[in-house]
Amino acid sequence: MAKSSSSKASKPVFVLNGPNLNLLGQREPEIYGSTTLAEIEKQVKAKAKSLGLAVDCRQSNHEGELVDWIQEARVKASAVILNAGAYSHTSIAIHDALATLDIPVVEVHISNVYKRESFRHHSTISPVATGVICGLGTIGYALALEAIHSKI
């Protein structure tokens, strides 16, 4: 059992961001803040290093590409942090891909989706996630790394 744990810990944590998150810092700063995705990735890499973890940060506006990366995580990642953006509320394909994983998955939302439009109150991802961090801003990514560190 110990061998499996160290094997998983030697693999990177996939940090996957979905549609429109490439526009962070520009898009609706009153909701998402002024931090850019590049700045978040820099913070994530620093936090991961402090925890002795490696990360692989990726962003796509395409659902299928996110599914491909989640499938890749089955063999190449120790865990997944996923901010699927709007796909969180609509994507059965991402749900199904996540359901195949036997590694921790943390769903992250920068904004508090429950203070927003009612269609954002449902997540197709939450039922297959290990945990959810919502509404705490960009620090949610660092908190997700902390949670993953405690799980692997």
N, C-alpha and C. Protein backbone atom coordinates (compact mmCIF):
# COMPACT_ATOMS: atom_id res chain seq x y z
N MET A 1 0.82 -1.19 0.00
CA MET A 1 0.00 0.00 0.00
C MET A 1 0.86 1.26 0.00
N ALA A 2 1.92 1.29 0.79
CA ALA A 2 2.78 2.47 0.83
C ALA A 2 3.39 2.76 -0.54
N LYS A 3 3.73 1.71 -1.27
CA LYS A 3 4.30 1.91 -2.60
C LYS A 3 3.32 2.65 -3.51
N SER A 4 2.06 2.28 -3.44
CA SER A 4 1.04 2.95 -4.26
C SER A 4 0.93 4.42 -3.91
N SER A 5 0.95 4.75 -2.62
CA SER A 5 0.83 6.15 -2.20
C SER A 5 2.00 6.97 -2.71
N SER A 6 3.23 6.45 -2.55
CA SER A 6 4.38 7.23 -3.02
C SER A 6 4.39 7.33 -4.53
N SER A 7 3.89 6.29 -5.20
CA SER A 7 3.80 6.33 -6.65
C SER A 7 2.85 7.43 -7.09
N LYS A 8 1.70 7.55 -6.43
CA LYS A 8 0.75 8.60 -6.78
C LYS A 8 1.33 9.97 -6.47
N ALA A 9 2.01 10.11 -5.32
CA ALA A 9 2.54 11.41 -4.92
C ALA A 9 3.64 11.87 -5.87
N SER A 10 4.31 10.94 -6.57
CA SER A 10 5.37 11.34 -7.49
C SER A 10 4.80 11.87 -8.81
N LYS A 11 3.53 11.66 -9.04
CA LYS A 11 2.88 12.17 -10.24
C LYS A 11 2.36 13.57 -9.96
N PRO A 12 2.28 14.41 -10.98
CA PRO A 12 1.77 15.78 -10.75
C PRO A 12 0.28 15.81 -10.45
N VAL A 13 -0.13 16.87 -9.81
CA VAL A 13 -1.53 17.18 -9.66
C VAL A 13 -1.93 17.96 -10.91
N PHE A 14 -2.95 17.48 -11.62
CA PHE A 14 -3.45 18.21 -12.77
C PHE A 14 -4.36 19.33 -12.26
N VAL A 15 -4.08 20.56 -12.65
CA VAL A 15 -4.91 21.73 -12.33
C VAL A 15 -5.55 22.16 -13.64
N LEU A 16 -6.82 21.82 -13.78
CA LEU A 16 -7.52 22.02 -15.05
C LEU A 16 -8.54 23.14 -14.91
N ASN A 17 -8.48 24.06 -15.85
CA ASN A 17 -9.40 25.20 -15.88
C ASN A 17 -10.16 25.20 -17.19
N GLY A 18 -11.46 25.46 -17.08
CA GLY A 18 -12.35 25.38 -18.22
C GLY A 18 -12.58 26.70 -18.92
N PRO A 19 -13.71 26.79 -19.61
CA PRO A 19 -13.98 27.90 -20.51
C PRO A 19 -14.02 29.26 -19.83
N ASN A 20 -13.46 30.21 -20.53
CA ASN A 20 -13.41 31.63 -20.16
C ASN A 20 -12.47 31.95 -19.01
N LEU A 21 -11.87 30.94 -18.40
CA LEU A 21 -10.95 31.23 -17.30
C LEU A 21 -9.64 31.82 -17.80
N ASN A 22 -9.38 31.70 -19.09
CA ASN A 22 -8.23 32.39 -19.70
C ASN A 22 -8.43 33.90 -19.68
N LEU A 23 -9.66 34.35 -19.42
CA LEU A 23 -9.97 35.79 -19.37
C LEU A 23 -9.98 36.35 -17.95
N LEU A 24 -9.57 35.54 -16.97
CA LEU A 24 -9.52 36.05 -15.60
C LEU A 24 -8.65 37.30 -15.55
N GLY A 25 -9.08 38.25 -14.74
CA GLY A 25 -8.39 39.54 -14.65
C GLY A 25 -8.99 40.57 -15.58
N GLN A 26 -9.69 40.10 -16.61
CA GLN A 26 -10.35 40.99 -17.56
C GLN A 26 -11.87 40.85 -17.50
N ARG A 27 -12.32 39.63 -17.33
CA ARG A 27 -13.75 39.30 -17.39
C ARG A 27 -14.40 39.46 -16.02
N GLU A 28 -15.39 40.31 -15.93
CA GLU A 28 -16.18 40.50 -14.73
C GLU A 28 -15.34 40.52 -13.44
N PRO A 29 -14.43 41.49 -13.33
CA PRO A 29 -13.57 41.53 -12.14
C PRO A 29 -14.34 41.70 -10.84
N GLU A 30 -15.56 42.24 -10.92
CA GLU A 30 -16.39 42.38 -9.71
C GLU A 30 -16.82 41.01 -9.17
N ILE A 31 -16.80 40.00 -10.02
CA ILE A 31 -17.15 38.63 -9.61
C ILE A 31 -15.89 37.80 -9.38
N TYR A 32 -14.94 37.88 -10.32
CA TYR A 32 -13.79 36.98 -10.32
C TYR A 32 -12.50 37.62 -9.82
N GLY A 33 -12.51 38.92 -9.59
CA GLY A 33 -11.31 39.60 -9.13
C GLY A 33 -10.41 40.01 -10.29
N SER A 34 -9.25 40.53 -9.94
CA SER A 34 -8.33 41.05 -10.95
C SER A 34 -7.13 40.14 -11.21
N THR A 35 -7.06 39.02 -10.51
CA THR A 35 -5.95 38.08 -10.69
C THR A 35 -6.11 37.34 -12.01
N THR A 36 -5.03 37.27 -12.77
CA THR A 36 -5.06 36.56 -14.05
C THR A 36 -4.82 35.07 -13.85
N LEU A 37 -5.15 34.28 -14.86
CA LEU A 37 -4.89 32.85 -14.79
C LEU A 37 -3.39 32.58 -14.66
N ALA A 38 -2.56 33.35 -15.34
CA ALA A 38 -1.11 33.18 -15.23
C ALA A 38 -0.64 33.42 -13.79
N GLU A 39 -1.22 34.41 -13.13
CA GLU A 39 -0.87 34.69 -11.73
C GLU A 39 -1.35 33.56 -10.82
N ILE A 40 -2.53 33.03 -11.09
CA ILE A 40 -3.03 31.88 -10.30
C ILE A 40 -2.09 30.70 -10.47
N GLU A 41 -1.69 30.43 -11.71
CA GLU A 41 -0.79 29.30 -11.97
C GLU A 41 0.55 29.48 -11.25
N LYS A 42 1.05 30.70 -11.20
CA LYS A 42 2.30 30.98 -10.47
C LYS A 42 2.12 30.71 -8.98
N GLN A 43 0.99 31.15 -8.42
CA GLN A 43 0.68 30.90 -7.00
C GLN A 43 0.53 29.41 -6.73
N VAL A 44 -0.15 28.70 -7.62
CA VAL A 44 -0.35 27.26 -7.47
C VAL A 44 0.98 26.52 -7.49
N LYS A 45 1.85 26.90 -8.40
CA LYS A 45 3.17 26.24 -8.48
C LYS A 45 3.99 26.49 -7.22
N ALA A 46 3.94 27.70 -6.69
CA ALA A 46 4.67 28.01 -5.45
C ALA A 46 4.10 27.22 -4.28
N LYS A 47 2.78 27.15 -4.17
CA LYS A 47 2.15 26.40 -3.08
C LYS A 47 2.47 24.92 -3.21
N ALA A 48 2.39 24.40 -4.41
CA ALA A 48 2.70 22.98 -4.64
C ALA A 48 4.13 22.68 -4.22
N LYS A 49 5.05 23.54 -4.61
CA LYS A 49 6.46 23.34 -4.25
C LYS A 49 6.62 23.30 -2.73
N SER A 50 5.93 24.18 -2.02
CA SER A 50 6.03 24.21 -0.56
C SER A 50 5.47 22.95 0.09
N LEU A 51 4.56 22.27 -0.62
CA LEU A 51 3.97 21.02 -0.13
C LEU A 51 4.70 19.79 -0.65
N GLY A 52 5.70 20.00 -1.50
CA GLY A 52 6.42 18.88 -2.08
C GLY A 52 5.65 18.20 -3.20
N LEU A 53 4.78 18.94 -3.84
CA LEU A 53 3.98 18.41 -4.94
C LEU A 53 4.38 19.06 -6.26
N ALA A 54 4.15 18.35 -7.34
CA ALA A 54 4.32 18.91 -8.67
C ALA A 54 2.93 19.17 -9.23
N VAL A 55 2.82 20.17 -10.09
CA VAL A 55 1.54 20.47 -10.73
C VAL A 55 1.71 20.60 -12.23
N ASP A 56 0.64 20.33 -12.92
CA ASP A 56 0.56 20.49 -14.37
C ASP A 56 -0.70 21.31 -14.62
N CYS A 57 -0.52 22.60 -14.94
CA CYS A 57 -1.66 23.52 -15.11
C CYS A 57 -2.05 23.60 -16.58
N ARG A 58 -3.35 23.49 -16.84
CA ARG A 58 -3.87 23.53 -18.20
C ARG A 58 -5.21 24.27 -18.22
N GLN A 59 -5.52 24.89 -19.35
CA GLN A 59 -6.80 25.58 -19.53
C GLN A 59 -7.30 25.31 -20.94
N SER A 60 -8.60 25.07 -21.05
CA SER A 60 -9.20 24.91 -22.37
C SER A 60 -10.62 25.44 -22.35
N ASN A 61 -11.03 25.99 -23.48
CA ASN A 61 -12.41 26.39 -23.68
C ASN A 61 -13.24 25.26 -24.27
N HIS A 62 -12.63 24.10 -24.46
CA HIS A 62 -13.27 22.99 -25.17
C HIS A 62 -13.54 21.81 -24.25
N GLU A 63 -14.78 21.43 -24.16
CA GLU A 63 -15.22 20.34 -23.28
C GLU A 63 -14.46 19.04 -23.57
N GLY A 64 -14.35 18.68 -24.83
CA GLY A 64 -13.68 17.43 -25.19
C GLY A 64 -12.23 17.40 -24.76
N GLU A 65 -11.55 18.53 -24.86
CA GLU A 65 -10.16 18.58 -24.42
C GLU A 65 -10.06 18.37 -22.91
N LEU A 66 -10.98 18.95 -22.15
CA LEU A 66 -11.01 18.71 -20.70
C LEU A 66 -11.23 17.23 -20.40
N VAL A 67 -12.14 16.60 -21.14
CA VAL A 67 -12.39 15.16 -20.97
C VAL A 67 -11.12 14.37 -21.28
N ASP A 68 -10.43 14.72 -22.36
CA ASP A 68 -9.18 14.04 -22.70
C ASP A 68 -8.17 14.15 -21.57
N TRP A 69 -8.03 15.35 -20.99
CA TRP A 69 -7.07 15.54 -19.89
C TRP A 69 -7.47 14.76 -18.65
N ILE A 70 -8.76 14.69 -18.36
CA ILE A 70 -9.22 13.91 -17.21
C ILE A 70 -8.92 12.43 -17.45
N GLN A 71 -9.14 11.95 -18.65
CA GLN A 71 -8.79 10.56 -18.96
C GLN A 71 -7.29 10.34 -18.83
N GLU A 72 -6.49 11.30 -19.27
CA GLU A 72 -5.04 11.21 -19.14
C GLU A 72 -4.64 11.14 -17.66
N ALA A 73 -5.37 11.84 -16.81
CA ALA A 73 -5.08 11.86 -15.38
C ALA A 73 -5.19 10.48 -14.75
N ARG A 74 -5.95 9.60 -15.35
CA ARG A 74 -6.10 8.23 -14.80
C ARG A 74 -4.75 7.58 -14.60
N VAL A 75 -3.79 7.84 -15.47
CA VAL A 75 -2.47 7.20 -15.36
C VAL A 75 -1.34 8.18 -15.08
N LYS A 76 -1.54 9.46 -15.35
CA LYS A 76 -0.43 10.40 -15.26
C LYS A 76 -0.51 11.40 -14.11
N ALA A 77 -1.59 11.37 -13.31
CA ALA A 77 -1.76 12.37 -12.25
C ALA A 77 -1.99 11.70 -10.90
N SER A 78 -1.62 12.40 -9.85
CA SER A 78 -1.89 11.93 -8.49
C SER A 78 -3.23 12.44 -7.99
N ALA A 79 -3.73 13.51 -8.60
CA ALA A 79 -5.01 14.12 -8.22
C ALA A 79 -5.38 15.14 -9.29
N VAL A 80 -6.62 15.63 -9.19
CA VAL A 80 -7.09 16.65 -10.13
C VAL A 80 -7.76 17.78 -9.34
N ILE A 81 -7.37 19.00 -9.67
CA ILE A 81 -8.10 20.18 -9.24
C ILE A 81 -8.78 20.69 -10.50
N LEU A 82 -10.10 20.85 -10.43
CA LEU A 82 -10.86 21.22 -11.62
C LEU A 82 -11.77 22.41 -11.35
N ASN A 83 -11.54 23.47 -12.11
CA ASN A 83 -12.50 24.56 -12.21
C ASN A 83 -13.03 24.47 -13.63
N ALA A 84 -14.15 23.81 -13.77
CA ALA A 84 -14.70 23.56 -15.10
C ALA A 84 -15.53 24.73 -15.63
N GLY A 85 -15.56 25.85 -14.89
CA GLY A 85 -16.33 26.99 -15.34
C GLY A 85 -17.78 26.60 -15.57
N ALA A 86 -18.37 27.11 -16.63
CA ALA A 86 -19.77 26.84 -16.93
C ALA A 86 -20.05 25.36 -17.16
N TYR A 87 -19.04 24.59 -17.57
CA TYR A 87 -19.25 23.15 -17.76
C TYR A 87 -19.59 22.45 -16.45
N SER A 88 -19.27 23.08 -15.32
CA SER A 88 -19.63 22.50 -14.02
C SER A 88 -21.12 22.26 -13.91
N HIS A 89 -21.88 23.08 -14.59
CA HIS A 89 -23.33 23.05 -14.46
C HIS A 89 -24.03 22.29 -15.58
N THR A 90 -23.27 21.87 -16.58
CA THR A 90 -23.91 21.30 -17.77
C THR A 90 -23.31 20.00 -18.29
N SER A 91 -22.07 19.68 -17.92
CA SER A 91 -21.36 18.63 -18.64
C SER A 91 -21.48 17.24 -18.02
N ILE A 92 -22.29 16.42 -18.65
CA ILE A 92 -22.36 15.01 -18.27
C ILE A 92 -21.07 14.31 -18.70
N ALA A 93 -20.48 14.75 -19.82
CA ALA A 93 -19.24 14.13 -20.31
C ALA A 93 -18.11 14.30 -19.30
N ILE A 94 -17.98 15.48 -18.71
CA ILE A 94 -16.93 15.69 -17.69
C ILE A 94 -17.26 14.88 -16.44
N HIS A 95 -18.51 14.85 -16.03
CA HIS A 95 -18.93 14.01 -14.91
C HIS A 95 -18.51 12.57 -15.14
N ASP A 96 -18.85 12.03 -16.31
CA ASP A 96 -18.55 10.63 -16.60
C ASP A 96 -17.04 10.36 -16.62
N ALA A 97 -16.26 11.29 -17.16
CA ALA A 97 -14.80 11.12 -17.16
C ALA A 97 -14.26 11.12 -15.74
N LEU A 98 -14.74 12.04 -14.91
CA LEU A 98 -14.29 12.10 -13.51
C LEU A 98 -14.66 10.84 -12.75
N ALA A 99 -15.80 10.26 -13.07
CA ALA A 99 -16.25 9.05 -12.37
C ALA A 99 -15.32 7.87 -12.59
N THR A 100 -14.46 7.93 -13.62
CA THR A 100 -13.53 6.83 -13.88
C THR A 100 -12.25 6.93 -13.05
N LEU A 101 -12.06 8.06 -12.36
CA LEU A 101 -10.82 8.28 -11.62
C LEU A 101 -10.85 7.62 -10.26
N ASP A 102 -9.69 7.12 -9.83
CA ASP A 102 -9.55 6.61 -8.46
C ASP A 102 -8.51 7.43 -7.70
N ILE A 103 -8.45 8.71 -8.04
CA ILE A 103 -7.57 9.67 -7.38
C ILE A 103 -8.43 10.83 -6.86
N PRO A 104 -7.92 11.61 -5.90
CA PRO A 104 -8.72 12.73 -5.40
C PRO A 104 -9.02 13.76 -6.49
N VAL A 105 -10.24 14.30 -6.43
CA VAL A 105 -10.68 15.36 -7.33
C VAL A 105 -11.28 16.46 -6.47
N VAL A 106 -10.76 17.68 -6.63
CA VAL A 106 -11.32 18.82 -5.91
C VAL A 106 -11.88 19.80 -6.94
N GLU A 107 -13.16 20.07 -6.81
CA GLU A 107 -13.85 21.04 -7.66
C GLU A 107 -13.66 22.42 -7.03
N VAL A 108 -13.22 23.39 -7.85
CA VAL A 108 -12.97 24.74 -7.36
C VAL A 108 -13.82 25.73 -8.15
N HIS A 109 -14.40 26.67 -7.41
CA HIS A 109 -15.10 27.81 -8.01
C HIS A 109 -14.60 29.06 -7.32
N ILE A 110 -14.16 30.05 -8.09
CA ILE A 110 -13.67 31.30 -7.53
C ILE A 110 -14.81 32.07 -6.87
N SER A 111 -15.94 32.13 -7.55
CA SER A 111 -17.09 32.86 -7.00
C SER A 111 -17.97 31.89 -6.21
N ASN A 112 -18.84 32.47 -5.40
CA ASN A 112 -19.83 31.66 -4.69
C ASN A 112 -21.01 31.46 -5.63
N VAL A 113 -21.06 30.30 -6.24
CA VAL A 113 -22.08 30.03 -7.24
C VAL A 113 -23.49 30.10 -6.65
N TYR A 114 -23.61 29.93 -5.34
CA TYR A 114 -24.93 29.95 -4.69
C TYR A 114 -25.45 31.36 -4.45
N LYS A 115 -24.60 32.35 -4.68
CA LYS A 115 -25.03 33.76 -4.61
C LYS A 115 -25.30 34.32 -6.00
N ARG A 116 -25.27 33.45 -6.99
CA ARG A 116 -25.43 33.87 -8.37
C ARG A 116 -26.71 33.29 -8.96
N GLU A 117 -26.80 33.28 -10.28
CA GLU A 117 -28.00 32.80 -10.95
C GLU A 117 -28.32 31.36 -10.53
N SER A 118 -29.61 31.05 -10.51
CA SER A 118 -30.03 29.74 -10.01
C SER A 118 -29.49 28.59 -10.86
N PHE A 119 -29.25 28.80 -12.15
CA PHE A 119 -28.72 27.71 -12.97
C PHE A 119 -27.31 27.31 -12.54
N ARG A 120 -26.63 28.17 -11.78
CA ARG A 120 -25.29 27.84 -11.29
C ARG A 120 -25.33 27.06 -9.97
N HIS A 121 -26.48 26.87 -9.40
CA HIS A 121 -26.60 26.21 -8.10
C HIS A 121 -26.45 24.70 -8.18
N HIS A 122 -26.50 24.15 -9.37
CA HIS A 122 -26.34 22.70 -9.55
C HIS A 122 -25.02 22.42 -10.26
N SER A 123 -24.29 21.44 -9.73
CA SER A 123 -23.05 21.00 -10.36
C SER A 123 -23.16 19.54 -10.76
N THR A 124 -22.79 19.25 -11.99
CA THR A 124 -22.72 17.85 -12.43
C THR A 124 -21.43 17.20 -11.94
N ILE A 125 -20.50 18.02 -11.48
CA ILE A 125 -19.18 17.54 -11.06
C ILE A 125 -19.14 17.16 -9.57
N SER A 126 -19.84 17.91 -8.74
CA SER A 126 -19.79 17.67 -7.29
C SER A 126 -20.05 16.23 -6.88
N PRO A 127 -21.01 15.52 -7.49
CA PRO A 127 -21.25 14.14 -7.06
C PRO A 127 -20.07 13.18 -7.26
N VAL A 128 -19.14 13.53 -8.13
CA VAL A 128 -17.99 12.66 -8.37
C VAL A 128 -16.68 13.30 -7.88
N ALA A 129 -16.79 14.40 -7.16
CA ALA A 129 -15.60 15.07 -6.60
C ALA A 129 -15.38 14.61 -5.16
N THR A 130 -14.13 14.62 -4.76
CA THR A 130 -13.78 14.33 -3.38
C THR A 130 -14.28 15.46 -2.48
N GLY A 131 -14.15 16.70 -2.97
CA GLY A 131 -14.59 17.86 -2.24
C GLY A 131 -14.78 19.04 -3.16
N VAL A 132 -15.38 20.10 -2.60
CA VAL A 132 -15.69 21.31 -3.36
C VAL A 132 -15.24 22.52 -2.56
N ILE A 133 -14.55 23.45 -3.23
CA ILE A 133 -14.18 24.73 -2.63
C ILE A 133 -14.83 25.80 -3.48
N CYS A 134 -15.62 26.64 -2.84
CA CYS A 134 -16.48 27.56 -3.58
C CYS A 134 -16.53 28.91 -2.89
N GLY A 135 -16.32 29.98 -3.67
CA GLY A 135 -16.59 31.32 -3.19
C GLY A 135 -15.50 31.98 -2.38
N LEU A 136 -14.33 31.38 -2.31
CA LEU A 136 -13.24 31.95 -1.52
C LEU A 136 -12.21 32.67 -2.37
N GLY A 137 -12.54 32.90 -3.62
CA GLY A 137 -11.60 33.57 -4.52
C GLY A 137 -10.51 32.63 -4.98
N THR A 138 -9.43 33.21 -5.45
CA THR A 138 -8.36 32.41 -6.04
C THR A 138 -7.59 31.59 -5.00
N ILE A 139 -7.72 31.91 -3.73
CA ILE A 139 -7.08 31.10 -2.69
C ILE A 139 -7.65 29.67 -2.69
N GLY A 140 -8.80 29.50 -3.30
CA GLY A 140 -9.40 28.17 -3.38
C GLY A 140 -8.47 27.14 -4.01
N TYR A 141 -7.65 27.55 -4.95
CA TYR A 141 -6.70 26.63 -5.58
C TYR A 141 -5.66 26.14 -4.56
N ALA A 142 -5.13 27.06 -3.75
CA ALA A 142 -4.15 26.69 -2.72
C ALA A 142 -4.80 25.78 -1.68
N LEU A 143 -6.04 26.09 -1.32
CA LEU A 143 -6.75 25.24 -0.36
C LEU A 143 -6.98 23.85 -0.94
N ALA A 144 -7.25 23.78 -2.22
CA ALA A 144 -7.42 22.48 -2.88
C ALA A 144 -6.12 21.68 -2.82
N LEU A 145 -5.00 22.35 -3.04
CA LEU A 145 -3.70 21.66 -2.94
C LEU A 145 -3.47 21.14 -1.53
N GLU A 146 -3.82 21.94 -0.52
CA GLU A 146 -3.69 21.49 0.87
C GLU A 146 -4.52 20.23 1.10
N ALA A 147 -5.76 20.25 0.63
CA ALA A 147 -6.64 19.09 0.79
C ALA A 147 -6.06 17.86 0.09
N ILE A 148 -5.58 18.06 -1.10
CA ILE A 148 -4.99 16.94 -1.86
C ILE A 148 -3.75 16.42 -1.15
N HIS A 149 -2.93 17.32 -0.65
CA HIS A 149 -1.72 16.91 0.07
C HIS A 149 -2.09 15.99 1.24
N SER A 150 -3.19 16.29 1.90
CA SER A 150 -3.61 15.47 3.04
C SER A 150 -4.19 14.12 2.61
N LYS A 151 -4.59 14.01 1.35
CA LYS A 151 -5.23 12.78 0.85
C LYS A 151 -4.26 11.80 0.18
N ILE A 152 -3.13 12.31 -0.33
CA ILE A 152 -2.22 11.39 -1.07
C ILE A 152 -0.96 11.09 -0.29
